[in-house]
């Protein structure tokens, strides 16, 4: 979890053998709780690759909503896909 001011950013990734087991959903939930309860952040945001529906779904299950799209310049990941920005509501 990256922290800047009162904002925390959640990123997550999990190996394919562990997909569809709820692990990422629980991990994001734990990071989110940590951000609000322990580190006292006022805003938690997350991002995922546009084509990664599974990661988008993990964020949605944790009450994050789509807040915009960022053009990927190749620095945020090894792929040149756009990145969805999500925020907790």
PDB file of N, CA and C in Angstrom:
ATOM      1  N   UNK A   1       0.852  -1.167   0.000  1.00  0.00           N
ATOM      2  CA  UNK A   1       0.000   0.000   0.000  1.00  0.00           C
ATOM      3  C   UNK A   1       0.898   1.231   0.000  1.00  0.00           C
ATOM      4  N   UNK A   2       0.735   2.084  -0.988  1.00  0.00           N
ATOM      5  CA  UNK A   2       1.488   3.328  -1.059  1.00  0.00           C
ATOM      6  C   UNK A   2       0.687   4.420  -0.364  1.00  0.00           C
ATOM      7  N   UNK A   3       1.388   5.301   0.351  1.00  0.00           N
ATOM      8  CA  UNK A   3       0.717   6.349   1.091  1.00  0.00           C
ATOM      9  C   UNK A   3       1.280   7.708   0.713  1.00  0.00           C
ATOM     10  N   UNK A   4       0.399   8.644   0.470  1.00  0.00           N
ATOM     11  CA  UNK A   4       0.812  10.006   0.185  1.00  0.00           C
ATOM     12  C   UNK A   4      -0.219  10.931   0.813  1.00  0.00           C
ATOM     13  N   UNK A   5       0.185  11.704   1.807  1.00  0.00           N
ATOM     14  CA  UNK A   5      -0.757  12.559   2.499  1.00  0.00           C
ATOM     15  C   UNK A   5      -1.833  11.742   3.164  1.00  0.00           C
ATOM     16  N   UNK A   6      -3.085  12.065   2.888  1.00  0.00           N
ATOM     17  CA  UNK A   6      -4.210  11.339   3.479  1.00  0.00           C
ATOM     18  C   UNK A   6      -4.779  10.311   2.510  1.00  0.00           C
ATOM     19  N   UNK A   7      -4.064  10.059   1.421  1.00  0.00           N
ATOM     20  CA  UNK A   7      -4.517   9.112   0.396  1.00  0.00           C
ATOM     21  C   UNK A   7      -3.633   7.870   0.430  1.00  0.00           C
ATOM     22  N   UNK A   8      -4.247   6.706   0.316  1.00  0.00           N
ATOM     23  CA  UNK A   8      -3.513   5.447   0.202  1.00  0.00           C
ATOM     24  C   UNK A   8      -3.920   4.791  -1.111  1.00  0.00           C
ATOM     25  N   UNK A   9      -2.972   4.130  -1.758  1.00  0.00           N
ATOM     26  CA  UNK A   9      -3.235   3.436  -3.019  1.00  0.00           C
ATOM     27  C   UNK A   9      -3.042   1.943  -2.826  1.00  0.00           C
ATOM     28  N   UNK A  10      -4.028   1.173  -3.229  1.00  0.00           N
ATOM     29  CA  UNK A  10      -3.982  -0.281  -3.137  1.00  0.00           C
ATOM     30  C   UNK A  10      -3.695  -0.863  -4.514  1.00  0.00           C
ATOM     31  N   UNK A  11      -2.702  -1.712  -4.580  1.00  0.00           N
ATOM     32  CA  UNK A  11      -2.427  -2.515  -5.774  1.00  0.00           C
ATOM     33  C   UNK A  11      -2.387  -3.968  -5.334  1.00  0.00           C
ATOM     34  N   UNK A  12      -2.795  -4.849  -6.207  1.00  0.00           N
ATOM     35  CA  UNK A  12      -2.759  -6.270  -5.843  1.00  0.00           C
ATOM     36  C   UNK A  12      -2.466  -7.123  -7.070  1.00  0.00           C
ATOM     37  N   UNK A  13      -1.965  -8.293  -6.820  1.00  0.00           N
ATOM     38  CA  UNK A  13      -1.715  -9.285  -7.864  1.00  0.00           C
ATOM     39  C   UNK A  13      -1.606 -10.644  -7.210  1.00  0.00           C
ATOM     40  N   UNK A  14      -1.999 -11.665  -7.936  1.00  0.00           N
ATOM     41  CA  UNK A  14      -1.973 -13.015  -7.379  1.00  0.00           C
ATOM     42  C   UNK A  14      -1.711 -14.006  -8.503  1.00  0.00           C
ATOM     43  N   UNK A  15      -0.973 -15.041  -8.216  1.00  0.00           N
ATOM     44  CA  UNK A  15      -0.634 -16.044  -9.225  1.00  0.00           C
ATOM     45  C   UNK A  15      -1.841 -16.829  -9.699  1.00  0.00           C
ATOM     46  N   UNK A  16      -1.818 -17.220 -10.952  1.00  0.00           N
ATOM     47  CA  UNK A  16      -2.943 -17.918 -11.583  1.00  0.00           C
ATOM     48  C   UNK A  16      -3.439 -19.147 -10.800  1.00  0.00           C
ATOM     49  N   UNK A  17      -2.551 -19.940 -10.170  1.00  0.00           N
ATOM     50  CA  UNK A  17      -3.070 -21.094  -9.421  1.00  0.00           C
ATOM     51  C   UNK A  17      -4.006 -20.714  -8.271  1.00  0.00           C
ATOM     52  N   UNK A  18      -3.989 -19.442  -7.873  1.00  0.00           N
ATOM     53  CA  UNK A  18      -4.787 -19.003  -6.738  1.00  0.00           C
ATOM     54  C   UNK A  18      -5.995 -18.169  -7.130  1.00  0.00           C
ATOM     55  N   UNK A  19      -6.251 -18.027  -8.427  1.00  0.00           N
ATOM     56  CA  UNK A  19      -7.410 -17.285  -8.901  1.00  0.00           C
ATOM     57  C   UNK A  19      -8.698 -17.988  -8.476  1.00  0.00           C
ATOM     58  N   UNK A  20      -9.768 -17.227  -8.348  1.00  0.00           N
ATOM     59  CA  UNK A  20     -11.128 -17.724  -8.090  1.00  0.00           C
ATOM     60  C   UNK A  20     -11.246 -18.446  -6.745  1.00  0.00           C
ATOM     61  N   UNK A  21     -10.429 -18.042  -5.776  1.00  0.00           N
ATOM     62  CA  UNK A  21     -10.498 -18.638  -4.446  1.00  0.00           C
ATOM     63  C   UNK A  21     -10.829 -17.608  -3.371  1.00  0.00           C
ATOM     64  N   UNK A  22     -11.009 -16.346  -3.782  1.00  0.00           N
ATOM     65  CA  UNK A  22     -11.354 -15.298  -2.831  1.00  0.00           C
ATOM     66  C   UNK A  22     -10.156 -14.690  -2.107  1.00  0.00           C
ATOM     67  N   UNK A  23      -8.965 -15.137  -2.445  1.00  0.00           N
ATOM     68  CA  UNK A  23      -7.766 -14.674  -1.743  1.00  0.00           C
ATOM     69  C   UNK A  23      -7.511 -13.191  -2.006  1.00  0.00           C
ATOM     70  N   UNK A  24      -7.567 -12.779  -3.256  1.00  0.00           N
ATOM     71  CA  UNK A  24      -7.313 -11.367  -3.589  1.00  0.00           C
ATOM     72  C   UNK A  24      -8.376 -10.472  -2.971  1.00  0.00           C
ATOM     73  N   UNK A  25      -9.621 -10.905  -2.986  1.00  0.00           N
ATOM     74  CA  UNK A  25     -10.707 -10.116  -2.394  1.00  0.00           C
ATOM     75  C   UNK A  25     -10.446  -9.887  -0.913  1.00  0.00           C
ATOM     76  N   UNK A  26     -10.049 -10.941  -0.212  1.00  0.00           N
ATOM     77  CA  UNK A  26      -9.758 -10.813   1.219  1.00  0.00           C
ATOM     78  C   UNK A  26      -8.519  -9.965   1.474  1.00  0.00           C
ATOM     79  N   UNK A  27      -7.510 -10.082   0.612  1.00  0.00           N
ATOM     80  CA  UNK A  27      -6.286  -9.289   0.775  1.00  0.00           C
ATOM     81  C   UNK A  27      -6.576  -7.801   0.593  1.00  0.00           C
ATOM     82  N   UNK A  28      -7.361  -7.456  -0.432  1.00  0.00           N
ATOM     83  CA  UNK A  28      -7.715  -6.053  -0.659  1.00  0.00           C
ATOM     84  C   UNK A  28      -8.543  -5.539   0.519  1.00  0.00           C
ATOM     85  N   UNK A  29      -9.449  -6.353   1.018  1.00  0.00           N
ATOM     86  CA  UNK A  29     -10.244  -5.954   2.177  1.00  0.00           C
ATOM     87  C   UNK A  29      -9.348  -5.650   3.373  1.00  0.00           C
ATOM     88  N   UNK A  30      -8.359  -6.492   3.612  1.00  0.00           N
ATOM     89  CA  UNK A  30      -7.437  -6.282   4.733  1.00  0.00           C
ATOM     90  C   UNK A  30      -6.603  -5.014   4.536  1.00  0.00           C
ATOM     91  N   UNK A  31      -6.118  -4.784   3.303  1.00  0.00           N
ATOM     92  CA  UNK A  31      -5.341  -3.572   3.033  1.00  0.00           C
ATOM     93  C   UNK A  31      -6.209  -2.329   3.217  1.00  0.00           C
ATOM     94  N   UNK A  32      -7.455  -2.422   2.755  1.00  0.00           N
ATOM     95  CA  UNK A  32      -8.375  -1.304   2.889  1.00  0.00           C
ATOM     96  C   UNK A  32      -8.614  -0.975   4.361  1.00  0.00           C
ATOM     97  N   UNK A  33      -8.897  -1.992   5.160  1.00  0.00           N
ATOM     98  CA  UNK A  33      -9.129  -1.783   6.593  1.00  0.00           C
ATOM     99  C   UNK A  33      -7.899  -1.181   7.259  1.00  0.00           C
ATOM    100  N   UNK A  34      -6.746  -1.662   6.890  1.00  0.00           N
ATOM    101  CA  UNK A  34      -5.502  -1.119   7.424  1.00  0.00           C
ATOM    102  C   UNK A  34      -5.374   0.363   7.068  1.00  0.00           C
ATOM    103  N   UNK A  35      -5.672   0.708   5.848  1.00  0.00           N
ATOM    104  CA  UNK A  35      -5.562   2.092   5.392  1.00  0.00           C
ATOM    105  C   UNK A  35      -6.456   3.046   6.162  1.00  0.00           C
ATOM    106  N   UNK A  36      -7.676   2.615   6.466  1.00  0.00           N
ATOM    107  CA  UNK A  36      -8.594   3.498   7.170  1.00  0.00           C
ATOM    108  C   UNK A  36      -8.422   3.434   8.688  1.00  0.00           C
ATOM    109  N   UNK A  37      -8.273   2.234   9.221  1.00  0.00           N
ATOM    110  CA  UNK A  37      -8.281   2.072  10.672  1.00  0.00           C
ATOM    111  C   UNK A  37      -6.920   2.300  11.326  1.00  0.00           C
ATOM    112  N   UNK A  38      -5.860   1.834  10.706  1.00  0.00           N
ATOM    113  CA  UNK A  38      -4.539   1.901  11.342  1.00  0.00           C
ATOM    114  C   UNK A  38      -3.719   3.104  10.900  1.00  0.00           C
ATOM    115  N   UNK A  39      -3.826   3.485   9.653  1.00  0.00           N
ATOM    116  CA  UNK A  39      -2.993   4.551   9.115  1.00  0.00           C
ATOM    117  C   UNK A  39      -3.787   5.853   8.972  1.00  0.00           C
ATOM    118  N   UNK A  40      -5.103   5.774   9.204  1.00  0.00           N
ATOM    119  CA  UNK A  40      -5.968   6.945   9.209  1.00  0.00           C
ATOM    120  C   UNK A  40      -5.956   7.710   7.881  1.00  0.00           C
ATOM    121  N   UNK A  41      -6.146   7.004   6.777  1.00  0.00           N
ATOM    122  CA  UNK A  41      -6.239   7.648   5.463  1.00  0.00           C
ATOM    123  C   UNK A  41      -7.676   8.085   5.222  1.00  0.00           C
ATOM    124  N   UNK A  42      -7.852   9.190   4.546  1.00  0.00           N
ATOM    125  CA  UNK A  42      -9.198   9.676   4.252  1.00  0.00           C
ATOM    126  C   UNK A  42      -9.699   9.193   2.891  1.00  0.00           C
ATOM    127  N   UNK A  43      -8.792   8.720   2.052  1.00  0.00           N
ATOM    128  CA  UNK A  43      -9.166   8.242   0.722  1.00  0.00           C
ATOM    129  C   UNK A  43      -8.278   7.057   0.360  1.00  0.00           C
ATOM    130  N   UNK A  44      -8.892   6.005  -0.113  1.00  0.00           N
ATOM    131  CA  UNK A  44      -8.156   4.838  -0.596  1.00  0.00           C
ATOM    132  C   UNK A  44      -8.539   4.640  -2.049  1.00  0.00           C
ATOM    133  N   UNK A  45      -7.535   4.567  -2.922  1.00  0.00           N
ATOM    134  CA  UNK A  45      -7.790   4.333  -4.338  1.00  0.00           C
ATOM    135  C   UNK A  45      -7.071   3.061  -4.764  1.00  0.00           C
ATOM    136  N   UNK A  46      -7.488   2.508  -5.886  1.00  0.00           N
ATOM    137  CA  UNK A  46      -6.857   1.327  -6.453  1.00  0.00           C
ATOM    138  C   UNK A  46      -6.796   1.465  -7.949  1.00  0.00           C
ATOM    139  N   UNK A  47      -5.996   0.624  -8.566  1.00  0.00           N
ATOM    140  CA  UNK A  47      -5.929   0.635 -10.022  1.00  0.00           C
ATOM    141  C   UNK A  47      -5.712  -0.779 -10.535  1.00  0.00           C
ATOM    142  N   UNK A  48      -6.156  -1.004 -11.749  1.00  0.00           N
ATOM    143  CA  UNK A  48      -5.951  -2.298 -12.393  1.00  0.00           C
ATOM    144  C   UNK A  48      -5.960  -2.087 -13.901  1.00  0.00           C
ATOM    145  N   UNK A  49      -5.400  -3.024 -14.601  1.00  0.00           N
ATOM    146  CA  UNK A  49      -5.394  -2.945 -16.061  1.00  0.00           C
ATOM    147  C   UNK A  49      -6.824  -3.050 -16.582  1.00  0.00           C
ATOM    148  N   UNK A  50      -7.110  -2.276 -17.599  1.00  0.00           N
ATOM    149  CA  UNK A  50      -8.455  -2.223 -18.167  1.00  0.00           C
ATOM    150  C   UNK A  50      -8.964  -3.609 -18.556  1.00  0.00           C
ATOM    151  N   UNK A  51      -8.102  -4.428 -19.134  1.00  0.00           N
ATOM    152  CA  UNK A  51      -8.562  -5.741 -19.610  1.00  0.00           C
ATOM    153  C   UNK A  51      -8.614  -6.802 -18.510  1.00  0.00           C
ATOM    154  N   UNK A  52      -8.167  -6.456 -17.288  1.00  0.00           N
ATOM    155  CA  UNK A  52      -8.153  -7.433 -16.204  1.00  0.00           C
ATOM    156  C   UNK A  52      -9.475  -7.374 -15.439  1.00  0.00           C
ATOM    157  N   UNK A  53     -10.452  -8.091 -15.951  1.00  0.00           N
ATOM    158  CA  UNK A  53     -11.792  -8.092 -15.384  1.00  0.00           C
ATOM    159  C   UNK A  53     -11.791  -8.657 -13.970  1.00  0.00           C
ATOM    160  N   UNK A  54     -10.964  -9.662 -13.716  1.00  0.00           N
ATOM    161  CA  UNK A  54     -10.887 -10.253 -12.384  1.00  0.00           C
ATOM    162  C   UNK A  54     -10.461  -9.243 -11.329  1.00  0.00           C
ATOM    163  N   UNK A  55      -9.443  -8.447 -11.640  1.00  0.00           N
ATOM    164  CA  UNK A  55      -8.986  -7.433 -10.691  1.00  0.00           C
ATOM    165  C   UNK A  55     -10.034  -6.353 -10.486  1.00  0.00           C
ATOM    166  N   UNK A  56     -10.719  -5.964 -11.554  1.00  0.00           N
ATOM    167  CA  UNK A  56     -11.809  -4.991 -11.427  1.00  0.00           C
ATOM    168  C   UNK A  56     -12.885  -5.534 -10.494  1.00  0.00           C
ATOM    169  N   UNK A  57     -13.191  -6.805 -10.663  1.00  0.00           N
ATOM    170  CA  UNK A  57     -14.227  -7.442  -9.843  1.00  0.00           C
ATOM    171  C   UNK A  57     -13.818  -7.501  -8.368  1.00  0.00           C
ATOM    172  N   UNK A  58     -12.546  -7.778  -8.110  1.00  0.00           N
ATOM    173  CA  UNK A  58     -12.040  -7.782  -6.729  1.00  0.00           C
ATOM    174  C   UNK A  58     -12.285  -6.423  -6.083  1.00  0.00           C
ATOM    175  N   UNK A  59     -11.980  -5.360  -6.817  1.00  0.00           N
ATOM    176  CA  UNK A  59     -12.168  -4.017  -6.276  1.00  0.00           C
ATOM    177  C   UNK A  59     -13.656  -3.716  -6.059  1.00  0.00           C
ATOM    178  N   UNK A  60     -14.505  -4.113  -7.015  1.00  0.00           N
ATOM    179  CA  UNK A  60     -15.946  -3.886  -6.882  1.00  0.00           C
ATOM    180  C   UNK A  60     -16.517  -4.616  -5.672  1.00  0.00           C
ATOM    181  N   UNK A  61     -16.046  -5.832  -5.428  1.00  0.00           N
ATOM    182  CA  UNK A  61     -16.515  -6.601  -4.266  1.00  0.00           C
ATOM    183  C   UNK A  61     -16.165  -5.899  -2.962  1.00  0.00           C
ATOM    184  N   UNK A  62     -15.143  -5.058  -2.998  1.00  0.00           N
ATOM    185  CA  UNK A  62     -14.730  -4.308  -1.818  1.00  0.00           C
ATOM    186  C   UNK A  62     -15.252  -2.873  -1.839  1.00  0.00           C
ATOM    187  N   UNK A  63     -16.324  -2.634  -2.612  1.00  0.00           N
ATOM    188  CA  UNK A  63     -17.050  -1.360  -2.643  1.00  0.00           C
ATOM    189  C   UNK A  63     -16.258  -0.205  -3.259  1.00  0.00           C
ATOM    190  N   UNK A  64     -15.343  -0.515  -4.175  1.00  0.00           N
ATOM    191  CA  UNK A  64     -14.673   0.513  -4.950  1.00  0.00           C
ATOM    192  C   UNK A  64     -15.487   0.727  -6.224  1.00  0.00           C
ATOM    193  N   UNK A  65     -15.516   1.948  -6.715  1.00  0.00           N
ATOM    194  CA  UNK A  65     -16.220   2.232  -7.958  1.00  0.00           C
ATOM    195  C   UNK A  65     -15.246   2.826  -8.971  1.00  0.00           C
ATOM    196  N   UNK A  66     -15.603   2.694 -10.220  1.00  0.00           N
ATOM    197  CA  UNK A  66     -14.805   3.241 -11.315  1.00  0.00           C
ATOM    198  C   UNK A  66     -14.771   4.762 -11.205  1.00  0.00           C
ATOM    199  N   UNK A  67     -13.562   5.330 -11.244  1.00  0.00           N
ATOM    200  CA  UNK A  67     -13.420   6.782 -11.112  1.00  0.00           C
ATOM    201  C   UNK A  67     -12.733   7.410 -12.312  1.00  0.00           C
ATOM    202  N   UNK A  68     -12.318   6.612 -13.271  1.00  0.00           N
ATOM    203  CA  UNK A  68     -11.663   7.170 -14.448  1.00  0.00           C
ATOM    204  C   UNK A  68     -10.649   6.208 -15.033  1.00  0.00           C
ATOM    205  N   UNK A  69     -10.054   6.639 -16.128  1.00  0.00           N
ATOM    206  CA  UNK A  69      -9.085   5.802 -16.831  1.00  0.00           C
ATOM    207  C   UNK A  69      -7.837   6.626 -17.084  1.00  0.00           C
ATOM    208  N   UNK A  70      -6.716   6.010 -16.891  1.00  0.00           N
ATOM    209  CA  UNK A  70      -5.421   6.656 -17.108  1.00  0.00           C
ATOM    210  C   UNK A  70      -4.716   5.977 -18.264  1.00  0.00           C
ATOM    211  N   UNK A  71      -4.236   6.757 -19.181  1.00  0.00           N
ATOM    212  CA  UNK A  71      -3.480   6.209 -20.309  1.00  0.00           C
ATOM    213  C   UNK A  71      -2.157   5.685 -19.772  1.00  0.00           C
ATOM    214  N   UNK A  72      -1.854   4.453 -20.058  1.00  0.00           N
ATOM    215  CA  UNK A  72      -0.620   3.839 -19.565  1.00  0.00           C
ATOM    216  C   UNK A  72       0.534   4.227 -20.477  1.00  0.00           C
ATOM    217  N   UNK A  73       1.569   4.763 -19.879  1.00  0.00           N
ATOM    218  CA  UNK A  73       2.748   5.161 -20.650  1.00  0.00           C
ATOM    219  C   UNK A  73       3.839   4.093 -20.615  1.00  0.00           C
ATOM    220  N   UNK A  74       3.496   2.907 -20.120  1.00  0.00           N
ATOM    221  CA  UNK A  74       4.470   1.830 -20.048  1.00  0.00           C
ATOM    222  C   UNK A  74       5.274   1.823 -18.764  1.00  0.00           C
ATOM    223  N   UNK A  75       5.094   2.849 -17.935  1.00  0.00           N
ATOM    224  CA  UNK A  75       5.844   2.918 -16.677  1.00  0.00           C
ATOM    225  C   UNK A  75       5.123   2.203 -15.544  1.00  0.00           C
ATOM    226  N   UNK A  76       3.793   2.153 -15.601  1.00  0.00           N
ATOM    227  CA  UNK A  76       3.040   1.556 -14.508  1.00  0.00           C
ATOM    228  C   UNK A  76       2.921   0.044 -14.633  1.00  0.00           C
ATOM    229  N   UNK A  77       3.203  -0.498 -15.767  1.00  0.00           N
ATOM    230  CA  UNK A  77       3.191  -1.951 -15.917  1.00  0.00           C
ATOM    231  C   UNK A  77       3.960  -2.330 -17.175  1.00  0.00           C
ATOM    232  N   UNK A  78       4.188  -3.601 -17.318  1.00  0.00           N
ATOM    233  CA  UNK A  78       4.919  -4.059 -18.504  1.00  0.00           C
ATOM    234  C   UNK A  78       4.034  -4.103 -19.738  1.00  0.00           C
ATOM    235  N   UNK A  79       2.714  -3.966 -19.540  1.00  0.00           N
ATOM    236  CA  UNK A  79       1.788  -3.956 -20.661  1.00  0.00           C
ATOM    237  C   UNK A  79       1.423  -2.526 -21.002  1.00  0.00           C
ATOM    238  N   UNK A  80       1.036  -2.278 -22.211  1.00  0.00           N
ATOM    239  CA  UNK A  80       0.638  -0.933 -22.627  1.00  0.00           C
ATOM    240  C   UNK A  80      -0.871  -0.786 -22.665  1.00  0.00           C
ATOM    241  N   UNK A  81      -1.538  -1.321 -21.663  1.00  0.00           N
ATOM    242  CA  UNK A  81      -2.986  -1.197 -21.563  1.00  0.00           C
ATOM    243  C   UNK A  81      -3.331  -0.016 -20.680  1.00  0.00           C
ATOM    244  N   UNK A  82      -4.509   0.543 -20.900  1.00  0.00           N
ATOM    245  CA  UNK A  82      -4.973   1.624 -20.034  1.00  0.00           C
ATOM    246  C   UNK A  82      -5.256   1.070 -18.627  1.00  0.00           C
ATOM    247  N   UNK A  83      -5.190   1.951 -17.661  1.00  0.00           N
ATOM    248  CA  UNK A  83      -5.367   1.573 -16.284  1.00  0.00           C
ATOM    249  C   UNK A  83      -6.652   2.199 -15.745  1.00  0.00           C
ATOM    250  N   UNK A  84      -7.498   1.389 -15.112  1.00  0.00           N
ATOM    251  CA  UNK A  84      -8.692   1.904 -14.455  1.00  0.00           C
ATOM    252  C   UNK A  84      -8.296   2.417 -13.074  1.00  0.00           C
ATOM    253  N   UNK A  85      -8.821   3.556 -12.710  1.00  0.00           N
ATOM    254  CA  UNK A  85      -8.636   4.106 -11.371  1.00  0.00           C
ATOM    255  C   UNK A  85      -9.957   3.921 -10.632  1.00  0.00           C
ATOM    256  N   UNK A  86      -9.896   3.355  -9.432  1.00  0.00           N
ATOM    257  CA  UNK A  86     -11.090   3.118  -8.652  1.00  0.00           C
ATOM    258  C   UNK A  86     -10.932   3.781  -7.285  1.00  0.00           C
ATOM    259  N   UNK A  87     -12.042   4.193  -6.691  1.00  0.00           N
ATOM    260  CA  UNK A  87     -11.981   4.769  -5.362  1.00  0.00           C
ATOM    261  C   UNK A  87     -13.064   4.145  -4.499  1.00  0.00           C
ATOM    262  N   UNK A  88     -12.832   4.130  -3.211  1.00  0.00           N
ATOM    263  CA  UNK A  88     -13.789   3.563  -2.275  1.00  0.00           C
ATOM    264  C   UNK A  88     -14.928   4.542  -2.039  1.00  0.00           C
ATOM    265  N   UNK A  89     -16.146   4.020  -1.986  1.00  0.00           N
ATOM    266  CA  UNK A  89     -17.304   4.878  -1.668  1.00  0.00           C
ATOM    267  C   UNK A  89     -17.991   4.364  -0.412  1.00  0.00           C
TER     268      UNK A  89
END
